[in-house]
């Protein structure tokens, strides 16, 4: 009879621990950010200082509103790491910048 209480208590403690870990792990991910190798397809402007970048990532076109200072630096055909969160552009790091300043063959930290 006592063993049933012990087993049920252990099961309840394990369930509580699993729920706590699941809840705590939600905020630790990179806030839903996705980073992919992508190619700049084109940069669009509406003439009012607003830019949209069209990228090809994993064989699909994705389009984001991007800041003007980034839009002016991007060239069609340029490859790099595209990072976005949902439908929101976070940043794009051109491939040549990933390997500079650290020497040949070393990947620079991007964040």
N, C-alpha and C. Protein backbone atom coordinates (compact mmCIF):
# COMPACT_ATOMS: atom_id res chain seq x y z
N UNK A 1 0.82 -1.19 0.00
CA UNK A 1 0.00 0.00 0.00
C UNK A 1 0.87 1.26 0.00
N UNK A 2 1.93 1.24 0.82
CA UNK A 2 2.83 2.39 0.87
C UNK A 2 3.53 2.59 -0.47
N UNK A 3 3.86 1.50 -1.13
CA UNK A 3 4.58 1.60 -2.39
C UNK A 3 3.74 2.31 -3.44
N UNK A 4 2.41 2.17 -3.38
CA UNK A 4 1.54 2.85 -4.33
C UNK A 4 1.60 4.37 -4.13
N UNK A 5 1.68 4.79 -2.87
CA UNK A 5 1.80 6.22 -2.58
C UNK A 5 3.15 6.76 -3.05
N UNK A 6 4.18 5.95 -2.84
CA UNK A 6 5.51 6.37 -3.26
C UNK A 6 5.58 6.50 -4.78
N UNK A 7 5.06 5.51 -5.49
CA UNK A 7 5.08 5.53 -6.96
C UNK A 7 4.27 6.70 -7.50
N UNK A 8 3.08 6.92 -6.95
CA UNK A 8 2.26 8.03 -7.43
C UNK A 8 2.93 9.38 -7.13
N UNK A 9 3.59 9.49 -5.99
CA UNK A 9 4.32 10.71 -5.66
C UNK A 9 5.48 10.95 -6.61
N UNK A 10 6.21 9.89 -6.95
CA UNK A 10 7.32 10.02 -7.91
C UNK A 10 6.81 10.41 -9.30
N UNK A 11 5.71 9.81 -9.72
CA UNK A 11 5.14 10.16 -11.02
C UNK A 11 4.70 11.62 -11.06
N UNK A 12 4.08 12.09 -9.99
CA UNK A 12 3.65 13.49 -9.93
C UNK A 12 4.85 14.42 -9.96
N UNK A 13 5.91 14.06 -9.25
CA UNK A 13 7.12 14.89 -9.23
C UNK A 13 7.77 14.93 -10.62
N UNK A 14 7.82 13.78 -11.30
CA UNK A 14 8.39 13.74 -12.65
C UNK A 14 7.56 14.57 -13.62
N UNK A 15 6.25 14.49 -13.51
CA UNK A 15 5.38 15.28 -14.39
C UNK A 15 5.58 16.77 -14.14
N UNK A 16 5.68 17.17 -12.87
CA UNK A 16 5.90 18.58 -12.54
C UNK A 16 7.25 19.05 -13.08
N UNK A 17 8.26 18.22 -12.95
CA UNK A 17 9.59 18.57 -13.46
C UNK A 17 9.57 18.72 -14.98
N UNK A 18 8.89 17.82 -15.68
CA UNK A 18 8.80 17.89 -17.14
C UNK A 18 8.07 19.16 -17.57
N UNK A 19 6.99 19.52 -16.90
CA UNK A 19 6.27 20.75 -17.22
C UNK A 19 7.14 21.98 -16.98
N UNK A 20 7.89 21.98 -15.90
CA UNK A 20 8.77 23.10 -15.59
C UNK A 20 9.85 23.25 -16.66
N UNK A 21 10.44 22.14 -17.09
CA UNK A 21 11.46 22.20 -18.14
C UNK A 21 10.89 22.70 -19.46
N UNK A 22 9.69 22.25 -19.80
CA UNK A 22 9.06 22.70 -21.04
C UNK A 22 8.76 24.19 -20.98
N UNK A 23 8.28 24.67 -19.87
CA UNK A 23 7.97 26.09 -19.71
C UNK A 23 9.24 26.92 -19.75
N UNK A 24 10.29 26.48 -19.07
CA UNK A 24 11.55 27.23 -19.02
C UNK A 24 12.25 27.23 -20.38
N UNK A 25 12.09 26.19 -21.16
CA UNK A 25 12.75 26.10 -22.46
C UNK A 25 12.14 26.99 -23.52
N UNK A 26 10.92 27.45 -23.32
CA UNK A 26 10.26 28.29 -24.33
C UNK A 26 11.03 29.57 -24.60
N UNK A 27 11.46 30.26 -23.59
CA UNK A 27 12.13 31.55 -23.76
C UNK A 27 13.59 31.44 -24.13
N UNK A 28 14.18 30.25 -24.02
CA UNK A 28 15.60 30.10 -24.27
C UNK A 28 15.95 29.96 -25.73
N UNK A 29 15.02 29.58 -26.56
CA UNK A 29 15.33 29.46 -27.97
C UNK A 29 15.68 30.85 -28.50
N UNK A 30 16.18 30.90 -29.69
CA UNK A 30 16.64 32.17 -30.23
C UNK A 30 15.47 33.05 -30.68
N UNK A 31 14.42 33.03 -29.91
CA UNK A 31 13.24 33.88 -30.12
C UNK A 31 12.62 33.68 -31.49
N UNK A 32 12.67 32.45 -31.98
CA UNK A 32 12.03 32.15 -33.25
C UNK A 32 12.83 32.58 -34.46
N UNK A 33 14.07 32.97 -34.27
CA UNK A 33 14.89 33.41 -35.40
C UNK A 33 15.34 32.21 -36.22
N UNK A 34 15.34 32.38 -37.53
CA UNK A 34 15.78 31.35 -38.47
C UNK A 34 16.92 31.94 -39.28
N UNK A 35 18.03 31.22 -39.36
CA UNK A 35 19.17 31.65 -40.17
C UNK A 35 19.40 30.63 -41.28
N UNK A 36 19.46 31.12 -42.51
CA UNK A 36 19.65 30.25 -43.67
C UNK A 36 20.63 30.89 -44.64
N UNK A 37 21.34 30.04 -45.40
CA UNK A 37 22.12 30.56 -46.52
C UNK A 37 21.12 30.99 -47.58
N UNK A 38 21.31 32.18 -48.12
CA UNK A 38 20.37 32.72 -49.10
C UNK A 38 21.12 33.54 -50.14
N UNK A 39 20.45 33.77 -51.25
CA UNK A 39 20.97 34.60 -52.33
C UNK A 39 20.03 35.78 -52.54
N UNK A 40 20.61 36.97 -52.69
CA UNK A 40 19.80 38.15 -52.96
C UNK A 40 19.30 38.05 -54.40
N UNK A 41 17.99 38.08 -54.59
CA UNK A 41 17.44 38.04 -55.95
C UNK A 41 17.28 39.46 -56.49
N UNK A 42 16.64 40.32 -55.70
CA UNK A 42 16.48 41.72 -56.13
C UNK A 42 16.12 42.58 -54.92
N UNK A 43 16.36 43.87 -55.07
CA UNK A 43 15.99 44.86 -54.06
C UNK A 43 14.97 45.79 -54.71
N UNK A 44 13.82 45.95 -54.09
CA UNK A 44 12.74 46.78 -54.62
C UNK A 44 12.58 48.02 -53.76
N UNK A 45 12.19 49.13 -54.38
CA UNK A 45 11.91 50.35 -53.64
C UNK A 45 10.62 50.96 -54.17
N UNK A 46 9.92 51.67 -53.30
CA UNK A 46 8.69 52.34 -53.74
C UNK A 46 8.93 53.82 -54.00
N UNK A 47 10.18 54.26 -53.92
CA UNK A 47 10.51 55.65 -54.17
C UNK A 47 10.35 56.55 -52.96
N UNK A 48 9.87 56.02 -51.87
CA UNK A 48 9.67 56.81 -50.65
C UNK A 48 10.63 56.39 -49.54
N UNK A 49 11.74 55.77 -49.92
CA UNK A 49 12.72 55.36 -48.93
C UNK A 49 12.41 54.04 -48.26
N UNK A 50 11.41 53.32 -48.74
CA UNK A 50 11.09 52.01 -48.19
C UNK A 50 11.57 50.94 -49.17
N UNK A 51 12.26 49.94 -48.64
CA UNK A 51 12.86 48.91 -49.48
C UNK A 51 12.33 47.54 -49.10
N UNK A 52 12.28 46.67 -50.10
CA UNK A 52 11.92 45.27 -49.90
C UNK A 52 13.00 44.44 -50.56
N UNK A 53 13.47 43.44 -49.83
CA UNK A 53 14.48 42.54 -50.37
C UNK A 53 13.85 41.21 -50.70
N UNK A 54 14.17 40.69 -51.87
CA UNK A 54 13.70 39.36 -52.28
C UNK A 54 14.92 38.45 -52.25
N UNK A 55 14.83 37.38 -51.48
CA UNK A 55 15.92 36.43 -51.30
C UNK A 55 15.46 35.05 -51.74
N UNK A 56 16.42 34.21 -52.15
CA UNK A 56 16.12 32.82 -52.45
C UNK A 56 16.82 31.99 -51.38
N UNK A 57 16.03 31.27 -50.60
CA UNK A 57 16.55 30.42 -49.53
C UNK A 57 15.84 29.07 -49.63
N UNK A 58 16.63 28.00 -49.65
CA UNK A 58 16.09 26.65 -49.78
C UNK A 58 15.19 26.50 -51.01
N UNK A 59 15.56 27.17 -52.08
CA UNK A 59 14.81 27.06 -53.32
C UNK A 59 13.51 27.84 -53.38
N UNK A 60 13.22 28.62 -52.35
CA UNK A 60 11.98 29.39 -52.32
C UNK A 60 12.30 30.88 -52.19
N UNK A 61 11.45 31.69 -52.81
CA UNK A 61 11.60 33.14 -52.68
C UNK A 61 10.96 33.60 -51.38
N UNK A 62 11.67 34.46 -50.65
CA UNK A 62 11.12 35.10 -49.46
C UNK A 62 11.36 36.60 -49.60
N UNK A 63 10.41 37.38 -49.14
CA UNK A 63 10.49 38.83 -49.30
C UNK A 63 10.28 39.50 -47.95
N UNK A 64 11.13 40.49 -47.66
CA UNK A 64 11.06 41.20 -46.39
C UNK A 64 11.22 42.69 -46.61
N UNK A 65 10.62 43.49 -45.75
CA UNK A 65 10.93 44.92 -45.68
C UNK A 65 12.29 45.01 -45.02
N UNK A 66 13.20 45.77 -45.63
CA UNK A 66 14.55 45.88 -45.08
C UNK A 66 14.93 47.34 -44.92
N UNK A 67 15.82 47.65 -43.96
CA UNK A 67 16.26 49.03 -43.76
C UNK A 67 17.03 49.55 -44.97
N UNK A 68 16.94 50.85 -45.20
CA UNK A 68 17.58 51.48 -46.36
C UNK A 68 19.09 51.28 -46.36
N UNK A 69 19.75 51.39 -45.20
CA UNK A 69 21.21 51.26 -45.17
C UNK A 69 21.66 49.86 -45.57
N UNK A 70 20.85 48.85 -45.30
CA UNK A 70 21.19 47.49 -45.72
C UNK A 70 20.87 47.32 -47.21
N UNK A 71 19.74 47.85 -47.64
CA UNK A 71 19.34 47.72 -49.05
C UNK A 71 20.38 48.31 -49.99
N UNK A 72 21.01 49.41 -49.60
CA UNK A 72 22.02 50.05 -50.45
C UNK A 72 23.30 49.22 -50.56
N UNK A 73 23.53 48.33 -49.62
CA UNK A 73 24.75 47.52 -49.62
C UNK A 73 24.59 46.20 -50.38
N UNK A 74 23.36 45.74 -50.57
CA UNK A 74 23.13 44.43 -51.17
C UNK A 74 23.13 44.50 -52.69
N UNK A 75 23.67 43.46 -53.30
CA UNK A 75 23.72 43.34 -54.75
C UNK A 75 23.02 42.04 -55.17
N UNK A 76 22.25 42.05 -56.25
CA UNK A 76 21.64 40.81 -56.73
C UNK A 76 22.72 39.75 -56.99
N UNK A 77 22.44 38.53 -56.60
CA UNK A 77 23.38 37.43 -56.76
C UNK A 77 24.29 37.22 -55.57
N UNK A 78 24.29 38.15 -54.63
CA UNK A 78 25.14 38.05 -53.45
C UNK A 78 24.61 36.96 -52.52
N UNK A 79 25.53 36.13 -52.01
CA UNK A 79 25.14 35.05 -51.09
C UNK A 79 25.57 35.41 -49.68
N UNK A 80 24.81 34.91 -48.71
CA UNK A 80 25.15 35.14 -47.32
C UNK A 80 24.15 34.49 -46.40
N UNK A 81 24.23 34.85 -45.14
CA UNK A 81 23.33 34.30 -44.12
C UNK A 81 22.19 35.28 -43.90
N UNK A 82 20.98 34.81 -44.17
CA UNK A 82 19.76 35.59 -43.95
C UNK A 82 19.15 35.13 -42.64
N UNK A 83 18.85 36.07 -41.76
CA UNK A 83 18.20 35.75 -40.50
C UNK A 83 16.90 36.52 -40.41
N UNK A 84 15.83 35.80 -40.07
CA UNK A 84 14.52 36.43 -39.95
C UNK A 84 13.75 35.80 -38.80
N UNK A 85 12.74 36.51 -38.35
CA UNK A 85 11.88 36.05 -37.26
C UNK A 85 10.44 36.19 -37.76
N UNK A 86 9.78 35.08 -38.03
CA UNK A 86 8.43 35.15 -38.59
C UNK A 86 8.51 35.80 -39.96
N UNK A 87 7.78 36.90 -40.15
CA UNK A 87 7.83 37.63 -41.40
C UNK A 87 8.69 38.87 -41.32
N UNK A 88 9.53 38.96 -40.28
CA UNK A 88 10.33 40.16 -40.03
C UNK A 88 11.81 39.90 -40.30
N UNK A 89 12.41 40.75 -41.13
CA UNK A 89 13.84 40.68 -41.44
C UNK A 89 14.64 41.05 -40.19
N UNK A 90 15.69 40.29 -39.90
CA UNK A 90 16.57 40.62 -38.77
C UNK A 90 17.90 41.14 -39.31
N UNK A 91 18.61 40.36 -40.14
CA UNK A 91 19.84 40.84 -40.77
C UNK A 91 20.27 39.90 -41.89
N UNK A 92 21.18 40.38 -42.71
CA UNK A 92 21.80 39.60 -43.78
C UNK A 92 23.29 39.87 -43.72
N UNK A 93 24.08 38.82 -43.62
CA UNK A 93 25.54 38.97 -43.58
C UNK A 93 26.10 38.36 -44.86
N UNK A 94 26.68 39.18 -45.75
CA UNK A 94 27.27 38.65 -46.98
C UNK A 94 28.35 37.62 -46.68
N UNK A 95 28.49 36.67 -47.58
CA UNK A 95 29.40 35.55 -47.36
C UNK A 95 30.84 36.00 -47.13
N UNK A 96 31.33 36.99 -47.87
CA UNK A 96 32.72 37.41 -47.70
C UNK A 96 32.97 37.98 -46.31
N UNK A 97 31.96 38.57 -45.67
CA UNK A 97 32.14 39.11 -44.33
C UNK A 97 32.19 38.01 -43.27
N UNK A 98 31.68 36.84 -43.59
CA UNK A 98 31.71 35.74 -42.62
C UNK A 98 33.13 35.26 -42.37
N UNK A 99 34.02 35.41 -43.35
CA UNK A 99 35.36 34.86 -43.24
C UNK A 99 36.46 35.90 -43.10
N UNK A 100 36.13 37.18 -42.97
CA UNK A 100 37.18 38.18 -42.87
C UNK A 100 37.53 38.46 -41.41
N UNK A 101 38.70 38.97 -41.20
CA UNK A 101 39.22 39.42 -39.90
C UNK A 101 39.63 38.28 -38.98
N UNK A 102 39.25 37.06 -39.26
CA UNK A 102 39.63 35.95 -38.39
C UNK A 102 40.69 35.06 -39.03
N UNK A 103 41.02 35.32 -40.26
CA UNK A 103 41.99 34.49 -40.95
C UNK A 103 41.30 33.51 -41.88
N UNK A 104 42.10 32.84 -42.66
CA UNK A 104 41.58 31.90 -43.65
C UNK A 104 40.90 30.71 -42.97
N UNK A 105 39.74 30.38 -43.46
CA UNK A 105 39.06 29.17 -43.01
C UNK A 105 38.37 29.26 -41.66
N UNK A 106 38.36 30.42 -41.04
CA UNK A 106 37.70 30.53 -39.75
C UNK A 106 36.43 31.36 -39.91
N UNK A 107 35.37 30.89 -39.32
CA UNK A 107 34.08 31.56 -39.42
C UNK A 107 33.97 32.62 -38.33
N UNK A 108 33.60 33.84 -38.74
CA UNK A 108 33.44 34.93 -37.79
C UNK A 108 32.11 34.77 -37.06
N UNK A 109 32.08 35.12 -35.79
CA UNK A 109 30.84 35.05 -35.00
C UNK A 109 29.88 36.12 -35.49
N UNK A 110 28.63 35.75 -35.69
CA UNK A 110 27.60 36.68 -36.16
C UNK A 110 26.48 36.69 -35.16
N UNK A 111 26.17 37.87 -34.63
CA UNK A 111 25.01 37.97 -33.73
C UNK A 111 24.64 39.40 -33.50
